[in-house]
Structure formats: C-alpha cells, structure tokens
C-alpha cells in the first residue's frame, strides 16, 4: 500500500525559488505566495492546486485518487 506524501518542494515559475512545504491532507491549495518574489501562484488550467502545478509531489487528495483499487478477496 502506498503511503501519502505530505511534503512537496514547490518551485516558483517566475523566479525559480524552491521551498519545501507541508500539504494539507484533505484540501487543495489554490493560492500560494512565493517567499522570494512575492508573486501569487495559481493552479495551471486543468490542475486542482498549486502543488499539482508547481510541486515535485502531487497533493494528497490526488495521491489518494490515483491509488490503484484494492484487489477483491475471495474471488468474488
């Protein structure tokens, strides 16, 4: 069973600054302010949050969604 990763290194697309941040387990983060240049990051079109768009790890809700289904026990 895959463990849920709760930290992601988010990289600002404007200045290239990277920072490891804690991600909420049960929510998507829609806005993030870069600690270096101050720009507000928003998710790319089609992405649920800034971690899915600019992080090195997708957000926990997406990780849970992408888990493979459990195999049935007992053959039925």
C-alpha atoms as a PDB file:
ATOM      1  CA  UNK A   1       0.000   0.000   0.000  1.00  0.00           C
ATOM      2  CA  UNK A   2       1.316   3.406  -0.992  1.00  0.00           C
ATOM      3  CA  UNK A   3       1.907   5.970   1.745  1.00  0.00           C
ATOM      4  CA  UNK A   4       0.624   9.502   1.285  1.00  0.00           C
ATOM      5  CA  UNK A   5       3.409  12.096   0.954  1.00  0.00           C
ATOM      6  CA  UNK A   6       2.584  15.338   2.776  1.00  0.00           C
ATOM      7  CA  UNK A   7       5.586  17.465   1.765  1.00  0.00           C
ATOM      8  CA  UNK A   8       6.301  18.893  -1.650  1.00  0.00           C
ATOM      9  CA  UNK A   9       9.038  21.153  -2.980  1.00  0.00           C
ATOM     10  CA  UNK A  10       7.189  23.936  -4.757  1.00  0.00           C
ATOM     11  CA  UNK A  11       9.072  25.914  -7.428  1.00  0.00           C
ATOM     12  CA  UNK A  12       8.066  29.434  -8.432  1.00  0.00           C
ATOM     13  CA  UNK A  13       7.715  29.654 -12.230  1.00  0.00           C
ATOM     14  CA  UNK A  14       8.586  33.372 -12.112  1.00  0.00           C
ATOM     15  CA  UNK A  15      11.868  33.433 -10.165  1.00  0.00           C
ATOM     16  CA  UNK A  16      12.807  29.758  -9.746  1.00  0.00           C
ATOM     17  CA  UNK A  17      12.789  29.876  -5.933  1.00  0.00           C
ATOM     18  CA  UNK A  18      12.103  26.479  -4.341  1.00  0.00           C
ATOM     19  CA  UNK A  19      10.745  25.746  -0.882  1.00  0.00           C
ATOM     20  CA  UNK A  20       9.562  22.547   0.761  1.00  0.00           C
ATOM     21  CA  UNK A  21       6.047  22.995   2.115  1.00  0.00           C
ATOM     22  CA  UNK A  22       3.632  20.851   4.111  1.00  0.00           C
ATOM     23  CA  UNK A  23       0.474  19.990   2.162  1.00  0.00           C
ATOM     24  CA  UNK A  24      -2.948  19.625   3.775  1.00  0.00           C
ATOM     25  CA  UNK A  25      -4.251  16.049   3.713  1.00  0.00           C
ATOM     26  CA  UNK A  26      -7.870  16.913   2.933  1.00  0.00           C
ATOM     27  CA  UNK A  27      -7.757  20.074   0.823  1.00  0.00           C
ATOM     28  CA  UNK A  28      -6.297  21.564  -2.342  1.00  0.00           C
ATOM     29  CA  UNK A  29      -4.303  24.817  -2.106  1.00  0.00           C
ATOM     30  CA  UNK A  30      -5.476  27.275  -4.758  1.00  0.00           C
ATOM     31  CA  UNK A  31      -3.142  30.201  -3.992  1.00  0.00           C
ATOM     32  CA  UNK A  32       0.491  30.324  -2.858  1.00  0.00           C
ATOM     33  CA  UNK A  33       2.691  33.388  -2.341  1.00  0.00           C
ATOM     34  CA  UNK A  34       6.334  32.949  -3.344  1.00  0.00           C
ATOM     35  CA  UNK A  35       8.621  33.753  -0.415  1.00  0.00           C
ATOM     36  CA  UNK A  36      11.213  35.238  -2.780  1.00  0.00           C
ATOM     37  CA  UNK A  37       9.467  37.390  -5.410  1.00  0.00           C
ATOM     38  CA  UNK A  38       6.035  37.733  -3.768  1.00  0.00           C
ATOM     39  CA  UNK A  39       4.081  36.566  -6.837  1.00  0.00           C
ATOM     40  CA  UNK A  40       0.837  34.723  -6.165  1.00  0.00           C
ATOM     41  CA  UNK A  41       0.813  31.299  -7.802  1.00  0.00           C
ATOM     42  CA  UNK A  42      -2.452  29.809  -9.022  1.00  0.00           C
ATOM     43  CA  UNK A  43      -3.039  26.309 -10.414  1.00  0.00           C
ATOM     44  CA  UNK A  44      -2.441  25.772 -14.127  1.00  0.00           C
ATOM     45  CA  UNK A  45      -5.573  25.132 -16.170  1.00  0.00           C
ATOM     46  CA  UNK A  46      -6.784  21.590 -15.555  1.00  0.00           C
ATOM     47  CA  UNK A  47      -4.797  21.182 -12.315  1.00  0.00           C
ATOM     48  CA  UNK A  48      -6.506  21.083  -8.915  1.00  0.00           C
ATOM     49  CA  UNK A  49      -3.941  23.069  -6.906  1.00  0.00           C
ATOM     50  CA  UNK A  50      -0.547  24.799  -6.852  1.00  0.00           C
ATOM     51  CA  UNK A  51       1.215  21.630  -5.638  1.00  0.00           C
ATOM     52  CA  UNK A  52      -0.065  19.663  -8.640  1.00  0.00           C
ATOM     53  CA  UNK A  53       1.082  22.508 -10.919  1.00  0.00           C
ATOM     54  CA  UNK A  54       4.424  23.559  -9.400  1.00  0.00           C
ATOM     55  CA  UNK A  55       5.379  20.948  -6.792  1.00  0.00           C
ATOM     56  CA  UNK A  56       7.537  17.854  -7.104  1.00  0.00           C
ATOM     57  CA  UNK A  57       4.769  15.786  -5.460  1.00  0.00           C
ATOM     58  CA  UNK A  58       1.039  15.959  -6.235  1.00  0.00           C
ATOM     59  CA  UNK A  59      -1.329  16.936  -3.411  1.00  0.00           C
ATOM     60  CA  UNK A  60      -2.642  14.234  -1.019  1.00  0.00           C
ATOM     61  CA  UNK A  61      -6.197  14.240  -2.473  1.00  0.00           C
ATOM     62  CA  UNK A  62      -4.729  13.488  -5.946  1.00  0.00           C
ATOM     63  CA  UNK A  63      -2.373  10.861  -4.497  1.00  0.00           C
ATOM     64  CA  UNK A  64      -5.374   9.131  -2.887  1.00  0.00           C
ATOM     65  CA  UNK A  65      -7.364   9.397  -6.132  1.00  0.00           C
ATOM     66  CA  UNK A  66      -4.509   7.813  -8.125  1.00  0.00           C
ATOM     67  CA  UNK A  67      -4.068   4.812  -5.790  1.00  0.00           C
ATOM     68  CA  UNK A  68      -4.796   1.516  -7.537  1.00  0.00           C
ATOM     69  CA  UNK A  69      -8.051  -0.146  -6.458  1.00  0.00           C
ATOM     70  CA  UNK A  70      -7.783  -2.889  -3.856  1.00  0.00           C
ATOM     71  CA  UNK A  71      -7.996  -6.375  -5.312  1.00  0.00           C
ATOM     72  CA  UNK A  72     -11.105  -8.324  -4.310  1.00  0.00           C
ATOM     73  CA  UNK A  73     -10.660 -11.010  -1.674  1.00  0.00           C
ATOM     74  CA  UNK A  74     -12.085 -14.480  -2.100  1.00  0.00           C
ATOM     75  CA  UNK A  75     -12.508 -14.209  -5.870  1.00  0.00           C
ATOM     76  CA  UNK A  76     -15.995 -12.661  -5.824  1.00  0.00           C
END
